[in-house]
Amino acid sequence: MNSLSQIDVKWYYVLMLASVTVASSSQILLKKSALKTYTSVMREYLNPYVIAGYGMLFVSMVMTITVYSGVEYKIVPVLESIGYIIVMILSRLFFGEKLTRNKLLGTFLILAGVIVFNL
């Protein structure tokens, strides 16, 4: 990593968390689209949810690539794993999905892995 100030590095972490949040939100939009029935294949793939979802994934990708220029490469995949937690929370809020014991255990294991990796 080049010699960036602490403020610059913190900005990259904020940008990475924003990227993960955007990607997680796009997954919610894509699932919302998948739960609907459409009158044609064209409408199934060219509707506002799908277009916005893939647009958000593109924006997230650009944000993540930008982050790679300011933080160590090994930390980005760790931060990306937070997306699993965000998707679980958003699925609960938007789709009413239950938080089962297995989902919570999986979330705990993801957080534990992130913590252990950063020790």
Protein backbone atom coordinates (compact mmCIF):
# COMPACT_ATOMS: atom_id res chain seq x y z
CA MET A 1 0.00 0.00 0.00
CA ASN A 2 1.33 3.43 -0.84
CA SER A 3 1.79 6.14 1.77
CA LEU A 4 -1.75 7.36 2.32
CA SER A 5 -2.75 9.34 5.38
CA GLN A 6 -5.06 7.75 7.95
CA ILE A 7 -7.91 9.96 6.73
CA ASP A 8 -7.47 8.71 3.17
CA VAL A 9 -7.45 5.09 4.31
CA LYS A 10 -10.62 5.61 6.37
CA TRP A 11 -12.29 7.12 3.30
CA TYR A 12 -11.50 3.94 1.36
CA TYR A 13 -13.06 1.81 4.11
CA VAL A 14 -16.20 3.95 4.03
CA LEU A 15 -16.28 3.63 0.25
CA MET A 16 -15.93 -0.15 0.55
CA LEU A 17 -18.81 -0.38 3.02
CA ALA A 18 -20.88 1.78 0.69
CA SER A 19 -19.99 -0.53 -2.18
CA VAL A 20 -21.09 -3.59 -0.21
CA THR A 21 -24.34 -1.86 0.74
CA VAL A 22 -25.04 -0.92 -2.88
CA ALA A 23 -24.35 -4.49 -4.04
CA SER A 24 -26.58 -5.92 -1.30
CA SER A 25 -29.38 -3.53 -2.21
CA SER A 26 -29.07 -4.54 -5.85
CA GLN A 27 -29.53 -8.18 -4.86
CA ILE A 28 -32.77 -7.24 -3.12
CA LEU A 29 -34.02 -5.50 -6.27
CA LEU A 30 -33.12 -8.53 -8.40
CA LYS A 31 -34.92 -10.86 -6.00
CA LYS A 32 -37.97 -8.57 -6.01
CA SER A 33 -38.01 -8.85 -9.79
CA ALA A 34 -37.57 -12.63 -9.70
CA LEU A 35 -40.62 -13.02 -7.45
CA LYS A 36 -42.91 -11.40 -10.03
CA THR A 37 -44.45 -13.05 -13.06
CA TYR A 38 -44.14 -11.34 -16.41
CA THR A 39 -46.12 -11.52 -19.63
CA SER A 40 -43.04 -11.93 -21.80
CA VAL A 41 -39.38 -12.85 -21.59
CA MET A 42 -38.49 -9.32 -22.69
CA ARG A 43 -40.37 -7.78 -19.74
CA GLU A 44 -38.77 -10.31 -17.41
CA TYR A 45 -35.29 -9.05 -18.23
CA LEU A 46 -36.02 -5.43 -19.16
CA ASN A 47 -37.91 -4.06 -16.21
CA PRO A 48 -36.94 -1.29 -13.77
CA TYR A 49 -35.90 -3.71 -10.99
CA VAL A 50 -33.50 -5.66 -13.18
CA ILE A 51 -32.06 -2.61 -14.90
CA ALA A 52 -31.57 -0.80 -11.57
CA GLY A 53 -30.18 -3.95 -9.93
CA TYR A 54 -27.54 -4.53 -12.58
CA GLY A 55 -26.78 -0.81 -12.74
CA MET A 56 -26.15 -0.83 -9.00
CA LEU A 57 -23.91 -3.90 -9.34
CA PHE A 58 -21.87 -2.02 -11.93
CA VAL A 59 -21.56 1.02 -9.64
CA SER A 60 -20.54 -1.28 -6.79
CA MET A 61 -17.88 -2.88 -8.97
CA VAL A 62 -16.40 0.51 -9.87
CA MET A 63 -16.41 1.51 -6.19
CA THR A 64 -14.65 -1.73 -5.21
CA ILE A 65 -12.00 -1.30 -7.91
CA THR A 66 -11.40 2.23 -6.59
CA VAL A 67 -10.99 0.84 -3.06
CA TYR A 68 -8.27 -1.55 -4.25
CA SER A 69 -6.07 1.48 -4.99
CA GLY A 70 -6.14 2.58 -1.35
CA VAL A 71 -6.18 -0.48 0.89
CA GLU A 72 -4.34 -3.76 1.12
CA TYR A 73 -5.67 -6.37 -1.29
CA LYS A 74 -6.27 -8.95 1.41
CA ILE A 75 -8.75 -6.78 3.33
CA VAL A 76 -11.29 -6.20 0.52
CA PRO A 77 -12.69 -9.77 0.39
CA VAL A 78 -13.08 -9.65 4.16
CA LEU A 79 -15.13 -6.47 3.92
CA GLU A 80 -17.13 -7.96 1.04
CA SER A 81 -18.30 -10.75 3.34
CA ILE A 82 -20.28 -8.17 5.33
CA GLY A 83 -22.64 -8.20 2.35
CA TYR A 84 -24.06 -11.54 3.54
CA ILE A 85 -25.14 -9.87 6.76
CA ILE A 86 -26.62 -6.86 4.99
CA VAL A 87 -28.58 -9.08 2.60
CA MET A 88 -29.96 -11.07 5.53
CA ILE A 89 -31.14 -7.89 7.24
CA LEU A 90 -32.61 -6.41 4.06
CA SER A 91 -34.38 -9.70 3.28
CA ARG A 92 -35.98 -9.58 6.70
CA LEU A 93 -37.09 -5.97 6.20
CA PHE A 94 -38.36 -6.20 2.62
CA PHE A 95 -39.50 -9.81 2.29
CA GLY A 96 -40.30 -10.74 5.87
CA GLU A 97 -37.87 -13.66 5.76
CA LYS A 98 -37.43 -15.33 9.11
CA LEU A 99 -34.14 -15.17 10.94
CA THR A 100 -33.66 -18.84 11.68
CA ARG A 101 -31.14 -20.27 14.06
CA ASN A 102 -29.02 -21.48 11.13
CA LYS A 103 -29.02 -18.02 9.51
CA LEU A 104 -27.98 -16.40 12.77
CA LEU A 105 -25.30 -19.04 13.34
CA GLY A 106 -24.00 -18.47 9.82
CA THR A 107 -23.93 -14.72 10.39
CA PHE A 108 -22.06 -15.23 13.66
CA LEU A 109 -19.51 -17.44 11.88
CA ILE A 110 -19.00 -14.80 9.18
CA LEU A 111 -18.40 -12.11 11.82
CA ALA A 112 -16.09 -14.41 13.75
CA GLY A 113 -14.13 -15.10 10.57
CA VAL A 114 -13.79 -11.39 9.85
CA ILE A 115 -12.57 -10.75 13.40
CA VAL A 116 -10.09 -13.66 13.38
CA PHE A 117 -8.78 -12.64 9.96
CA ASN A 118 -8.06 -9.12 11.23
CA LEU A 119 -6.20 -10.17 14.40
